[in-house]
Amino acid sequence: MTGSSKIFERRNHYDYVYLSDLLRNMSNYISKKILMLRG
């Protein structure tokens, strides 16, 4: 029981890291697009 919950927590942590990376990349991409449109 405890082992499976540990694995679940670890997977959630990886999902969180992946989502935060995705959001960071998207915001960088959008800001670059805005700079290109302005310039």
Protein backbone atom coordinates (compact mmCIF):
# COMPACT_ATOMS: atom_id res chain seq x y z
CA MET A 1 0.00 0.00 0.00
CA THR A 2 2.65 2.53 1.00
CA GLY A 3 4.88 1.58 -1.94
CA SER A 4 2.14 2.16 -4.52
CA SER A 5 1.29 5.56 -3.01
CA LYS A 6 5.00 6.48 -3.18
CA ILE A 7 5.11 5.62 -6.87
CA PHE A 8 1.95 7.65 -7.40
CA GLU A 9 3.49 10.68 -5.65
CA ARG A 10 6.63 10.41 -7.74
CA ARG A 11 4.60 10.24 -10.97
CA ASN A 12 2.62 13.31 -9.93
CA HIS A 13 5.89 15.14 -9.28
CA TYR A 14 7.15 14.29 -12.77
CA ASP A 15 3.83 15.42 -14.29
CA TYR A 16 4.15 18.74 -12.42
CA VAL A 17 7.74 19.26 -13.63
CA TYR A 18 6.69 18.43 -17.19
CA LEU A 19 3.73 20.82 -17.08
CA SER A 20 5.81 23.68 -15.63
CA ASP A 21 8.45 23.14 -18.35
CA LEU A 22 5.71 23.16 -20.99
CA LEU A 23 4.24 26.40 -19.61
CA ARG A 24 7.66 28.05 -19.50
CA ASN A 25 8.40 27.06 -23.11
CA MET A 26 4.99 28.30 -24.24
CA SER A 27 5.40 31.67 -22.51
CA ASN A 28 8.89 32.07 -24.02
CA TYR A 29 7.52 31.22 -27.48
CA ILE A 30 4.61 33.67 -27.12
CA SER A 31 6.83 36.50 -25.88
CA LYS A 32 9.21 35.95 -28.83
CA LYS A 33 6.24 36.03 -31.23
CA ILE A 34 5.03 39.31 -29.68
CA LEU A 35 8.52 40.83 -29.98
CA MET A 36 8.67 39.76 -33.65
CA LEU A 37 5.24 41.26 -34.36
CA ARG A 38 6.17 44.53 -32.63
CA GLY A 39 9.60 44.77 -34.27
